[in-house]
Amino acid sequence: MSRLACYDQAVGAVQTVVLSGDGVPASPKITKGQVAAATRNPWGKLIVELGSGQVWRQLDSKPLTLKPGDRVTVRLAAAGSYLLQKSSGGRSIRVKPGG
């Protein structure tokens, strides 16, 4: 049983998100949140603000429509980049943290 408890503790730690002072996940494996605002910059790329205050800026040019109230998941991808996807599934876009 202690082995299972140890596994549960480790999995729980991965799913827990701790924010650093600048609103970026300190342990950025996965972040889930609700969209507070979704706007576009002059080049048409998304700027997404989550209810937690985190801001994510789109890097690629893939189309994705978000509106306030949508639930999203941001996960760590290859080479230190991040992918943002609606929690309901579908397309993901490459993003970077930033305000």
C-alpha atoms as a PDB file:
ATOM      1  CA  MET A   1       0.000   0.000   0.000  1.00  0.00           C
ATOM      2  CA  SER A   2       2.801   2.480   0.731  1.00  0.00           C
ATOM      3  CA  ARG A   3       3.955   2.219  -2.874  1.00  0.00           C
ATOM      4  CA  LEU A   4       0.510   3.199  -4.132  1.00  0.00           C
ATOM      5  CA  ALA A   5       0.318   6.113  -1.670  1.00  0.00           C
ATOM      6  CA  CYS A   6       3.726   7.293  -2.886  1.00  0.00           C
ATOM      7  CA  TYR A   7       2.513   7.157  -6.505  1.00  0.00           C
ATOM      8  CA  ASP A   8      -0.680   9.065  -5.632  1.00  0.00           C
ATOM      9  CA  GLN A   9       1.388  11.726  -3.897  1.00  0.00           C
ATOM     10  CA  ALA A  10       3.707  12.079  -6.907  1.00  0.00           C
ATOM     11  CA  VAL A  11       0.812  12.324  -9.386  1.00  0.00           C
ATOM     12  CA  GLY A  12      -0.935  14.884  -7.182  1.00  0.00           C
ATOM     13  CA  ALA A  13       2.236  16.976  -7.105  1.00  0.00           C
ATOM     14  CA  VAL A  14       2.424  17.027 -10.917  1.00  0.00           C
ATOM     15  CA  GLN A  15      -1.172  18.238 -11.198  1.00  0.00           C
ATOM     16  CA  THR A  16      -0.728  20.991  -8.602  1.00  0.00           C
ATOM     17  CA  VAL A  17       0.154  24.331 -10.153  1.00  0.00           C
ATOM     18  CA  VAL A  18       2.079  26.869  -8.105  1.00  0.00           C
ATOM     19  CA  LEU A  19       2.319  30.374  -9.524  1.00  0.00           C
ATOM     20  CA  SER A  20       5.484  32.400  -9.369  1.00  0.00           C
ATOM     21  CA  GLY A  21       5.383  36.126  -8.681  1.00  0.00           C
ATOM     22  CA  ASP A  22       4.868  37.006 -12.352  1.00  0.00           C
ATOM     23  CA  GLY A  23       1.807  34.759 -12.790  1.00  0.00           C
ATOM     24  CA  VAL A  24       3.633  32.034 -14.723  1.00  0.00           C
ATOM     25  CA  PRO A  25       3.381  28.479 -13.398  1.00  0.00           C
ATOM     26  CA  ALA A  26       6.395  27.701 -11.201  1.00  0.00           C
ATOM     27  CA  SER A  27       5.922  24.013 -12.036  1.00  0.00           C
ATOM     28  CA  PRO A  28       4.708  24.407 -15.623  1.00  0.00           C
ATOM     29  CA  LYS A  29       3.764  20.831 -16.537  1.00  0.00           C
ATOM     30  CA  ILE A  30       0.051  21.619 -16.867  1.00  0.00           C
ATOM     31  CA  THR A  31      -2.242  24.532 -16.071  1.00  0.00           C
ATOM     32  CA  LYS A  32      -6.016  24.528 -16.334  1.00  0.00           C
ATOM     33  CA  GLY A  33      -8.124  27.640 -16.164  1.00  0.00           C
ATOM     34  CA  GLN A  34     -11.046  29.635 -17.404  1.00  0.00           C
ATOM     35  CA  VAL A  35     -10.661  32.374 -20.000  1.00  0.00           C
ATOM     36  CA  ALA A  36     -11.315  35.814 -18.493  1.00  0.00           C
ATOM     37  CA  ALA A  37     -10.500  37.706 -21.717  1.00  0.00           C
ATOM     38  CA  ALA A  38      -9.398  36.785 -25.224  1.00  0.00           C
ATOM     39  CA  THR A  39      -8.221  39.541 -27.554  1.00  0.00           C
ATOM     40  CA  ARG A  40      -6.056  39.746 -30.655  1.00  0.00           C
ATOM     41  CA  ASN A  41      -2.919  41.774 -31.234  1.00  0.00           C
ATOM     42  CA  PRO A  42      -2.505  43.888 -34.427  1.00  0.00           C
ATOM     43  CA  TRP A  43      -1.150  40.785 -36.238  1.00  0.00           C
ATOM     44  CA  GLY A  44      -4.229  38.698 -35.396  1.00  0.00           C
ATOM     45  CA  LYS A  45      -2.618  36.519 -32.739  1.00  0.00           C
ATOM     46  CA  LEU A  46      -4.484  35.686 -29.537  1.00  0.00           C
ATOM     47  CA  ILE A  47      -3.748  37.182 -26.149  1.00  0.00           C
ATOM     48  CA  VAL A  48      -5.489  35.060 -23.519  1.00  0.00           C
ATOM     49  CA  GLU A  49      -5.965  36.117 -19.906  1.00  0.00           C
ATOM     50  CA  LEU A  50      -7.060  33.417 -17.482  1.00  0.00           C
ATOM     51  CA  GLY A  51      -9.127  33.971 -14.358  1.00  0.00           C
ATOM     52  CA  SER A  52      -5.957  33.378 -12.309  1.00  0.00           C
ATOM     53  CA  GLY A  53      -4.345  36.436 -13.905  1.00  0.00           C
ATOM     54  CA  GLN A  54      -2.002  34.442 -16.146  1.00  0.00           C
ATOM     55  CA  VAL A  55      -1.563  35.884 -19.643  1.00  0.00           C
ATOM     56  CA  TRP A  56      -0.606  33.729 -22.625  1.00  0.00           C
ATOM     57  CA  ARG A  57       0.383  35.081 -26.053  1.00  0.00           C
ATOM     58  CA  GLN A  58      -0.012  33.057 -29.250  1.00  0.00           C
ATOM     59  CA  LEU A  59       3.180  32.342 -31.197  1.00  0.00           C
ATOM     60  CA  ASP A  60       1.914  30.391 -34.212  1.00  0.00           C
ATOM     61  CA  SER A  61      -0.757  31.366 -36.753  1.00  0.00           C
ATOM     62  CA  LYS A  62      -3.237  28.519 -36.230  1.00  0.00           C
ATOM     63  CA  PRO A  63      -6.854  29.642 -35.931  1.00  0.00           C
ATOM     64  CA  LEU A  64      -8.535  29.180 -32.551  1.00  0.00           C
ATOM     65  CA  THR A  65     -11.651  30.921 -31.267  1.00  0.00           C
ATOM     66  CA  LEU A  66     -11.852  31.568 -27.531  1.00  0.00           C
ATOM     67  CA  LYS A  67     -14.363  33.543 -25.518  1.00  0.00           C
ATOM     68  CA  PRO A  68     -14.657  34.443 -21.838  1.00  0.00           C
ATOM     69  CA  GLY A  69     -15.795  31.428 -19.844  1.00  0.00           C
ATOM     70  CA  ASP A  70     -14.102  28.824 -22.076  1.00  0.00           C
ATOM     71  CA  ARG A  71     -12.032  26.316 -20.106  1.00  0.00           C
ATOM     72  CA  VAL A  72      -8.482  25.774 -21.390  1.00  0.00           C
ATOM     73  CA  THR A  73      -5.453  23.658 -20.637  1.00  0.00           C
ATOM     74  CA  VAL A  74      -1.889  24.927 -21.054  1.00  0.00           C
ATOM     75  CA  ARG A  75       0.783  22.244 -21.036  1.00  0.00           C
ATOM     76  CA  LEU A  76       4.522  22.161 -21.369  1.00  0.00           C
ATOM     77  CA  ALA A  77       5.593  21.021 -24.838  1.00  0.00           C
ATOM     78  CA  ALA A  78       8.960  20.254 -26.419  1.00  0.00           C
ATOM     79  CA  ALA A  79      11.938  22.570 -25.984  1.00  0.00           C
ATOM     80  CA  GLY A  80      10.312  24.606 -23.221  1.00  0.00           C
ATOM     81  CA  SER A  81       7.377  25.831 -25.272  1.00  0.00           C
ATOM     82  CA  TYR A  82       3.703  25.618 -24.262  1.00  0.00           C
ATOM     83  CA  LEU A  83       0.517  24.461 -25.982  1.00  0.00           C
ATOM     84  CA  LEU A  84      -2.912  25.923 -25.193  1.00  0.00           C
ATOM     85  CA  GLN A  85      -6.029  23.915 -25.997  1.00  0.00           C
ATOM     86  CA  LYS A  86      -9.722  24.167 -25.159  1.00  0.00           C
ATOM     87  CA  SER A  87     -10.501  21.635 -22.426  1.00  0.00           C
ATOM     88  CA  SER A  88     -13.245  20.269 -24.682  1.00  0.00           C
ATOM     89  CA  GLY A  89     -10.520  19.195 -27.121  1.00  0.00           C
ATOM     90  CA  GLY A  90      -9.665  20.165 -30.668  1.00  0.00           C
ATOM     91  CA  ARG A  91      -6.810  22.225 -32.035  1.00  0.00           C
ATOM     92  CA  SER A  92      -3.978  23.489 -29.849  1.00  0.00           C
ATOM     93  CA  ILE A  93      -1.915  26.608 -30.397  1.00  0.00           C
ATOM     94  CA  ARG A  94       1.661  27.375 -29.358  1.00  0.00           C
ATOM     95  CA  VAL A  95       1.842  30.094 -26.706  1.00  0.00           C
ATOM     96  CA  LYS A  96       4.304  31.869 -24.443  1.00  0.00           C
ATOM     97  CA  PRO A  97       3.644  33.395 -21.037  1.00  0.00           C
ATOM     98  CA  GLY A  98       3.624  37.140 -20.870  1.00  0.00           C
ATOM     99  CA  GLY A  99       1.652  40.225 -20.043  1.00  0.00           C
END
